[in-house]
Amino acid sequence: MIVTNISDFRKDIKSYFDAVAKNFETLIINRGKDSGIVVISLEEYNSLMATNHELSSRLNEKRLDTAIEKLKHLKV
């Protein structure tokens, strides 16, 4: 995780974005009292949205739990 303030972010925006995109870093930009912005890569965002969707209903959650349990008991 990288933390910066808005002034430093403006000075070197490209390197901050490169770190987020290439290294899957999370960037937090502090903007003052109790205010901030979080920047993540598109790939990370899509992954979070997919997880959110999968866990959005109790039925989906139960299906995932069942699949995980089956994998744990699978003999290789």
PDB file of N, CA and C in Angstrom:
ATOM      1  N   MET A   1       0.847  -1.169   0.000  1.00  0.00           N
ATOM      2  CA  MET A   1       0.000   0.000   0.000  1.00  0.00           C
ATOM      3  C   MET A   1       0.894   1.235   0.000  1.00  0.00           C
ATOM      4  N   ILE A   2       0.528   2.187  -0.823  1.00  0.00           N
ATOM      5  CA  ILE A   2       1.242   3.461  -0.917  1.00  0.00           C
ATOM      6  C   ILE A   2       0.311   4.550  -0.407  1.00  0.00           C
ATOM      7  N   VAL A   3       0.837   5.415   0.421  1.00  0.00           N
ATOM      8  CA  VAL A   3       0.051   6.537   0.932  1.00  0.00           C
ATOM      9  C   VAL A   3       0.762   7.825   0.551  1.00  0.00           C
ATOM     10  N   THR A   4       0.004   8.772   0.030  1.00  0.00           N
ATOM     11  CA  THR A   4       0.579  10.068  -0.346  1.00  0.00           C
ATOM     12  C   THR A   4      -0.462  11.158  -0.101  1.00  0.00           C
ATOM     13  N   ASN A   5      -0.038  12.378  -0.291  1.00  0.00           N
ATOM     14  CA  ASN A   5      -0.993  13.486  -0.217  1.00  0.00           C
ATOM     15  C   ASN A   5      -1.233  14.013  -1.622  1.00  0.00           C
ATOM     16  N   ILE A   6      -2.193  14.864  -1.760  1.00  0.00           N
ATOM     17  CA  ILE A   6      -2.598  15.333  -3.087  1.00  0.00           C
ATOM     18  C   ILE A   6      -1.491  16.121  -3.790  1.00  0.00           C
ATOM     19  N   SER A   7      -0.717  16.868  -3.030  1.00  0.00           N
ATOM     20  CA  SER A   7       0.369  17.655  -3.637  1.00  0.00           C
ATOM     21  C   SER A   7       1.440  16.759  -4.237  1.00  0.00           C
ATOM     22  N   ASP A   8       1.874  15.757  -3.469  1.00  0.00           N
ATOM     23  CA  ASP A   8       2.889  14.835  -3.989  1.00  0.00           C
ATOM     24  C   ASP A   8       2.337  14.001  -5.141  1.00  0.00           C
ATOM     25  N   PHE A   9       1.075  13.638  -5.053  1.00  0.00           N
ATOM     26  CA  PHE A   9       0.447  12.874  -6.127  1.00  0.00           C
ATOM     27  C   PHE A   9       0.467  13.662  -7.436  1.00  0.00           C
ATOM     28  N   ARG A  10       0.126  14.937  -7.365  1.00  0.00           N
ATOM     29  CA  ARG A  10       0.120  15.787  -8.568  1.00  0.00           C
ATOM     30  C   ARG A  10       1.507  15.881  -9.193  1.00  0.00           C
ATOM     31  N   LYS A  11       2.542  15.928  -8.352  1.00  0.00           N
ATOM     32  CA  LYS A  11       3.915  16.085  -8.848  1.00  0.00           C
ATOM     33  C   LYS A  11       4.389  14.870  -9.641  1.00  0.00           C
ATOM     34  N   ASP A  12       3.890  13.680  -9.281  1.00  0.00           N
ATOM     35  CA  ASP A  12       4.419  12.461  -9.895  1.00  0.00           C
ATOM     36  C   ASP A  12       3.311  11.456 -10.201  1.00  0.00           C
ATOM     37  N   ILE A  13       2.242  11.924 -10.793  1.00  0.00           N
ATOM     38  CA  ILE A  13       1.064  11.109 -11.045  1.00  0.00           C
ATOM     39  C   ILE A  13       1.387   9.855 -11.860  1.00  0.00           C
ATOM     40  N   LYS A  14       2.248   9.978 -12.853  1.00  0.00           N
ATOM     41  CA  LYS A  14       2.562   8.832 -13.710  1.00  0.00           C
ATOM     42  C   LYS A  14       3.200   7.701 -12.922  1.00  0.00           C
ATOM     43  N   SER A  15       4.167   7.994 -12.065  1.00  0.00           N
ATOM     44  CA  SER A  15       4.820   6.912 -11.323  1.00  0.00           C
ATOM     45  C   SER A  15       3.862   6.267 -10.332  1.00  0.00           C
ATOM     46  N   TYR A  16       2.961   7.056  -9.755  1.00  0.00           N
ATOM     47  CA  TYR A  16       1.965   6.470  -8.855  1.00  0.00           C
ATOM     48  C   TYR A  16       1.039   5.526  -9.624  1.00  0.00           C
ATOM     49  N   PHE A  17       0.564   5.960 -10.783  1.00  0.00           N
ATOM     50  CA  PHE A  17      -0.309   5.107 -11.584  1.00  0.00           C
ATOM     51  C   PHE A  17       0.428   3.862 -12.078  1.00  0.00           C
ATOM     52  N   ASP A  18       1.694   4.022 -12.441  1.00  0.00           N
ATOM     53  CA  ASP A  18       2.490   2.867 -12.868  1.00  0.00           C
ATOM     54  C   ASP A  18       2.606   1.837 -11.746  1.00  0.00           C
ATOM     55  N   ALA A  19       2.839   2.293 -10.517  1.00  0.00           N
ATOM     56  CA  ALA A  19       2.953   1.373  -9.376  1.00  0.00           C
ATOM     57  C   ALA A  19       1.643   0.637  -9.149  1.00  0.00           C
ATOM     58  N   VAL A  20       0.534   1.339  -9.287  1.00  0.00           N
ATOM     59  CA  VAL A  20      -0.783   0.713  -9.095  1.00  0.00           C
ATOM     60  C   VAL A  20      -1.031  -0.320 -10.191  1.00  0.00           C
ATOM     61  N   ALA A  21      -0.761   0.045 -11.423  1.00  0.00           N
ATOM     62  CA  ALA A  21      -1.063  -0.828 -12.557  1.00  0.00           C
ATOM     63  C   ALA A  21      -0.107  -2.017 -12.656  1.00  0.00           C
ATOM     64  N   LYS A  22       1.172  -1.781 -12.480  1.00  0.00           N
ATOM     65  CA  LYS A  22       2.171  -2.832 -12.704  1.00  0.00           C
ATOM     66  C   LYS A  22       2.396  -3.721 -11.484  1.00  0.00           C
ATOM     67  N   ASN A  23       2.296  -3.160 -10.301  1.00  0.00           N
ATOM     68  CA  ASN A  23       2.624  -3.896  -9.079  1.00  0.00           C
ATOM     69  C   ASN A  23       1.407  -4.231  -8.228  1.00  0.00           C
ATOM     70  N   PHE A  24       0.229  -3.940  -8.758  1.00  0.00           N
ATOM     71  CA  PHE A  24      -1.024  -4.175  -8.033  1.00  0.00           C
ATOM     72  C   PHE A  24      -1.011  -3.531  -6.649  1.00  0.00           C
ATOM     73  N   GLU A  25      -0.397  -2.368  -6.576  1.00  0.00           N
ATOM     74  CA  GLU A  25      -0.378  -1.602  -5.329  1.00  0.00           C
ATOM     75  C   GLU A  25      -1.730  -0.920  -5.135  1.00  0.00           C
ATOM     76  N   THR A  26      -2.053  -0.673  -3.887  1.00  0.00           N
ATOM     77  CA  THR A  26      -3.208   0.155  -3.557  1.00  0.00           C
ATOM     78  C   THR A  26      -2.659   1.520  -3.185  1.00  0.00           C
ATOM     79  N   LEU A  27      -3.215   2.557  -3.761  1.00  0.00           N
ATOM     80  CA  LEU A  27      -2.761   3.925  -3.514  1.00  0.00           C
ATOM     81  C   LEU A  27      -3.831   4.669  -2.729  1.00  0.00           C
ATOM     82  N   ILE A  28      -3.422   5.239  -1.611  1.00  0.00           N
ATOM     83  CA  ILE A  28      -4.332   6.071  -0.821  1.00  0.00           C
ATOM     84  C   ILE A  28      -3.840   7.499  -0.913  1.00  0.00           C
ATOM     85  N   ILE A  29      -4.714   8.384  -1.351  1.00  0.00           N
ATOM     86  CA  ILE A  29      -4.378   9.798  -1.468  1.00  0.00           C
ATOM     87  C   ILE A  29      -5.145  10.546  -0.389  1.00  0.00           C
ATOM     88  N   ASN A  30      -4.409  11.050   0.586  1.00  0.00           N
ATOM     89  CA  ASN A  30      -5.031  11.834   1.651  1.00  0.00           C
ATOM     90  C   ASN A  30      -5.329  13.231   1.125  1.00  0.00           C
ATOM     91  N   ARG A  31      -6.538  13.686   1.379  1.00  0.00           N
ATOM     92  CA  ARG A  31      -6.966  14.992   0.872  1.00  0.00           C
ATOM     93  C   ARG A  31      -7.342  15.947   1.989  1.00  0.00           C
ATOM     94  N   GLY A  32      -6.907  15.661   3.175  1.00  0.00           N
ATOM     95  CA  GLY A  32      -7.241  16.539   4.286  1.00  0.00           C
ATOM     96  C   GLY A  32      -7.986  15.781   5.356  1.00  0.00           C
ATOM     97  N   LYS A  33      -8.594  16.508   6.225  1.00  0.00           N
ATOM     98  CA  LYS A  33      -9.266  15.937   7.387  1.00  0.00           C
ATOM     99  C   LYS A  33     -10.341  14.916   6.995  1.00  0.00           C
ATOM    100  N   ASP A  34     -10.104  13.671   7.385  1.00  0.00           N
ATOM    101  CA  ASP A  34     -11.071  12.584   7.168  1.00  0.00           C
ATOM    102  C   ASP A  34     -11.524  12.425   5.721  1.00  0.00           C
ATOM    103  N   SER A  35     -10.691  12.788   4.789  1.00  0.00           N
ATOM    104  CA  SER A  35     -11.063  12.680   3.388  1.00  0.00           C
ATOM    105  C   SER A  35      -9.922  12.021   2.629  1.00  0.00           C
ATOM    106  N   GLY A  36     -10.251  11.046   1.826  1.00  0.00           N
ATOM    107  CA  GLY A  36      -9.218  10.381   1.058  1.00  0.00           C
ATOM    108  C   GLY A  36      -9.804   9.660  -0.135  1.00  0.00           C
ATOM    109  N   ILE A  37      -8.905   9.256  -1.003  1.00  0.00           N
ATOM    110  CA  ILE A  37      -9.264   8.552  -2.226  1.00  0.00           C
ATOM    111  C   ILE A  37      -8.412   7.288  -2.283  1.00  0.00           C
ATOM    112  N   VAL A  38      -9.004   6.192  -2.728  1.00  0.00           N
ATOM    113  CA  VAL A  38      -8.278   4.944  -2.914  1.00  0.00           C
ATOM    114  C   VAL A  38      -8.226   4.652  -4.408  1.00  0.00           C
ATOM    115  N   VAL A  39      -7.032   4.343  -4.912  1.00  0.00           N
ATOM    116  CA  VAL A  39      -6.850   4.015  -6.322  1.00  0.00           C
ATOM    117  C   VAL A  39      -6.343   2.578  -6.389  1.00  0.00           C
ATOM    118  N   ILE A  40      -7.051   1.750  -7.186  1.00  0.00           N
ATOM    119  CA  ILE A  40      -6.628   0.373  -7.413  1.00  0.00           C
ATOM    120  C   ILE A  40      -6.638   0.105  -8.911  1.00  0.00           C
ATOM    121  N   SER A  41      -5.972  -0.953  -9.320  1.00  0.00           N
ATOM    122  CA  SER A  41      -5.938  -1.287 -10.741  1.00  0.00           C
ATOM    123  C   SER A  41      -7.318  -1.763 -11.203  1.00  0.00           C
ATOM    124  N   LEU A  42      -7.555  -1.690 -12.485  1.00  0.00           N
ATOM    125  CA  LEU A  42      -8.812  -2.167 -13.051  1.00  0.00           C
ATOM    126  C   LEU A  42      -8.971  -3.661 -12.800  1.00  0.00           C
ATOM    127  N   GLU A  43      -7.892  -4.405 -12.906  1.00  0.00           N
ATOM    128  CA  GLU A  43      -7.942  -5.845 -12.664  1.00  0.00           C
ATOM    129  C   GLU A  43      -8.375  -6.147 -11.218  1.00  0.00           C
ATOM    130  N   GLU A  44      -7.818  -5.399 -10.267  1.00  0.00           N
ATOM    131  CA  GLU A  44      -8.191  -5.578  -8.868  1.00  0.00           C
ATOM    132  C   GLU A  44      -9.656  -5.191  -8.649  1.00  0.00           C
ATOM    133  N   TYR A  45     -10.080  -4.099  -9.245  1.00  0.00           N
ATOM    134  CA  TYR A  45     -11.476  -3.660  -9.144  1.00  0.00           C
ATOM    135  C   TYR A  45     -12.423  -4.732  -9.685  1.00  0.00           C
ATOM    136  N   ASN A  46     -12.117  -5.264 -10.873  1.00  0.00           N
ATOM    137  CA  ASN A  46     -12.964  -6.290 -11.467  1.00  0.00           C
ATOM    138  C   ASN A  46     -13.039  -7.536 -10.582  1.00  0.00           C
ATOM    139  N   SER A  47     -11.922  -7.899  -9.975  1.00  0.00           N
ATOM    140  CA  SER A  47     -11.892  -9.036  -9.067  1.00  0.00           C
ATOM    141  C   SER A  47     -12.786  -8.794  -7.850  1.00  0.00           C
ATOM    142  N   LEU A  48     -12.709  -7.601  -7.290  1.00  0.00           N
ATOM    143  CA  LEU A  48     -13.555  -7.257  -6.147  1.00  0.00           C
ATOM    144  C   LEU A  48     -15.037  -7.277  -6.515  1.00  0.00           C
ATOM    145  N   MET A  49     -15.369  -6.775  -7.687  1.00  0.00           N
ATOM    146  CA  MET A  49     -16.763  -6.761  -8.121  1.00  0.00           C
ATOM    147  C   MET A  49     -17.278  -8.181  -8.361  1.00  0.00           C
ATOM    148  N   ALA A  50     -16.432  -9.041  -8.917  1.00  0.00           N
ATOM    149  CA  ALA A  50     -16.832 -10.436  -9.132  1.00  0.00           C
ATOM    150  C   ALA A  50     -17.068 -11.134  -7.792  1.00  0.00           C
ATOM    151  N   THR A  51     -16.186 -10.916  -6.837  1.00  0.00           N
ATOM    152  CA  THR A  51     -16.359 -11.497  -5.505  1.00  0.00           C
ATOM    153  C   THR A  51     -17.622 -10.970  -4.856  1.00  0.00           C
ATOM    154  N   ASN A  52     -17.848  -9.681  -4.971  1.00  0.00           N
ATOM    155  CA  ASN A  52     -19.057  -9.075  -4.409  1.00  0.00           C
ATOM    156  C   ASN A  52     -20.312  -9.711  -5.011  1.00  0.00           C
ATOM    157  N   HIS A  53     -20.289  -9.916  -6.321  1.00  0.00           N
ATOM    158  CA  HIS A  53     -21.433 -10.531  -6.994  1.00  0.00           C
ATOM    159  C   HIS A  53     -21.638 -11.963  -6.505  1.00  0.00           C
ATOM    160  N   GLU A  54     -20.553 -12.721  -6.409  1.00  0.00           N
ATOM    161  CA  GLU A  54     -20.655 -14.119  -5.978  1.00  0.00           C
ATOM    162  C   GLU A  54     -21.203 -14.243  -4.566  1.00  0.00           C
ATOM    163  N   LEU A  55     -20.916 -13.268  -3.725  1.00  0.00           N
ATOM    164  CA  LEU A  55     -21.369 -13.320  -2.339  1.00  0.00           C
ATOM    165  C   LEU A  55     -22.635 -12.494  -2.101  1.00  0.00           C
ATOM    166  N   SER A  56     -23.249 -12.020  -3.182  1.00  0.00           N
ATOM    167  CA  SER A  56     -24.398 -11.118  -3.041  1.00  0.00           C
ATOM    168  C   SER A  56     -25.681 -11.822  -2.604  1.00  0.00           C
ATOM    169  N   SER A  57     -25.724 -13.125  -2.770  1.00  0.00           N
ATOM    170  CA  SER A  57     -26.909 -13.850  -2.303  1.00  0.00           C
ATOM    171  C   SER A  57     -26.460 -15.017  -1.432  1.00  0.00           C
ATOM    172  N   ARG A  58     -27.309 -15.382  -0.517  1.00  0.00           N
ATOM    173  CA  ARG A  58     -26.987 -16.493   0.382  1.00  0.00           C
ATOM    174  C   ARG A  58     -26.825 -17.791  -0.403  1.00  0.00           C
ATOM    175  N   LEU A  59     -27.614 -17.979  -1.452  1.00  0.00           N
ATOM    176  CA  LEU A  59     -27.527 -19.189  -2.269  1.00  0.00           C
ATOM    177  C   LEU A  59     -26.158 -19.300  -2.930  1.00  0.00           C
ATOM    178  N   ASN A  60     -25.684 -18.208  -3.533  1.00  0.00           N
ATOM    179  CA  ASN A  60     -24.350 -18.219  -4.143  1.00  0.00           C
ATOM    180  C   ASN A  60     -23.284 -18.516  -3.102  1.00  0.00           C
ATOM    181  N   GLU A  61     -23.420 -17.917  -1.949  1.00  0.00           N
ATOM    182  CA  GLU A  61     -22.451 -18.115  -0.879  1.00  0.00           C
ATOM    183  C   GLU A  61     -22.408 -19.593  -0.458  1.00  0.00           C
ATOM    184  N   LYS A  62     -23.571 -20.214  -0.327  1.00  0.00           N
ATOM    185  CA  LYS A  62     -23.623 -21.636   0.037  1.00  0.00           C
ATOM    186  C   LYS A  62     -22.981 -22.506  -1.036  1.00  0.00           C
ATOM    187  N   ARG A  63     -23.225 -22.181  -2.306  1.00  0.00           N
ATOM    188  CA  ARG A  63     -22.613 -22.946  -3.410  1.00  0.00           C
ATOM    189  C   ARG A  63     -21.100 -22.856  -3.362  1.00  0.00           C
ATOM    190  N   LEU A  64     -20.583 -21.671  -3.109  1.00  0.00           N
ATOM    191  CA  LEU A  64     -19.131 -21.503  -3.014  1.00  0.00           C
ATOM    192  C   LEU A  64     -18.568 -22.271  -1.827  1.00  0.00           C
ATOM    193  N   ASP A  65     -19.244 -22.205  -0.693  1.00  0.00           N
ATOM    194  CA  ASP A  65     -18.786 -22.946   0.488  1.00  0.00           C
ATOM    195  C   ASP A  65     -18.753 -24.443   0.210  1.00  0.00           C
ATOM    196  N   THR A  66     -19.766 -24.950  -0.462  1.00  0.00           N
ATOM    197  CA  THR A  66     -19.823 -26.373  -0.802  1.00  0.00           C
ATOM    198  C   THR A  66     -18.676 -26.753  -1.737  1.00  0.00           C
ATOM    199  N   ALA A  67     -18.424 -25.927  -2.735  1.00  0.00           N
ATOM    200  CA  ALA A  67     -17.332 -26.193  -3.671  1.00  0.00           C
ATOM    201  C   ALA A  67     -15.979 -26.177  -2.961  1.00  0.00           C
ATOM    202  N   ILE A  68     -15.792 -25.261  -2.050  1.00  0.00           N
ATOM    203  CA  ILE A  68     -14.535 -25.179  -1.294  1.00  0.00           C
ATOM    204  C   ILE A  68     -14.350 -26.430  -0.445  1.00  0.00           C
ATOM    205  N   GLU A  69     -15.406 -26.866   0.203  1.00  0.00           N
ATOM    206  CA  GLU A  69     -15.329 -28.080   1.022  1.00  0.00           C
ATOM    207  C   GLU A  69     -15.003 -29.301   0.178  1.00  0.00           C
ATOM    208  N   LYS A  70     -15.594 -29.395  -1.014  1.00  0.00           N
ATOM    209  CA  LYS A  70     -15.300 -30.516  -1.913  1.00  0.00           C
ATOM    210  C   LYS A  70     -13.819 -30.494  -2.310  1.00  0.00           C
ATOM    211  N   LEU A  71     -13.288 -29.322  -2.594  1.00  0.00           N
ATOM    212  CA  LEU A  71     -11.877 -29.212  -2.963  1.00  0.00           C
ATOM    213  C   LEU A  71     -10.961 -29.605  -1.815  1.00  0.00           C
ATOM    214  N   LYS A  72     -11.329 -29.256  -0.613  1.00  0.00           N
ATOM    215  CA  LYS A  72     -10.516 -29.609   0.557  1.00  0.00           C
ATOM    216  C   LYS A  72     -10.426 -31.112   0.747  1.00  0.00           C
ATOM    217  N   HIS A  73     -11.490 -31.810   0.394  1.00  0.00           N
ATOM    218  CA  HIS A  73     -11.545 -33.257   0.620  1.00  0.00           C
ATOM    219  C   HIS A  73     -11.115 -34.062  -0.607  1.00  0.00           C
ATOM    220  N   LEU A  74     -10.774 -33.382  -1.670  1.00  0.00           N
ATOM    221  CA  LEU A  74     -10.354 -34.022  -2.905  1.00  0.00           C
ATOM    222  C   LEU A  74      -8.973 -34.637  -2.707  1.00  0.00           C
ATOM    223  N   LYS A  75      -8.829 -35.876  -3.016  1.00  0.00           N
ATOM    224  CA  LYS A  75      -7.530 -36.553  -2.872  1.00  0.00           C
ATOM    225  C   LYS A  75      -6.764 -36.433  -4.173  1.00  0.00           C
ATOM    226  N   VAL A  76      -5.544 -35.970  -4.056  1.00  0.00           N
ATOM    227  CA  VAL A  76      -4.714 -35.782  -5.238  1.00  0.00           C
ATOM    228  C   VAL A  76      -3.702 -36.890  -5.339  1.00  0.00           C
TER     229      VAL A  76
END
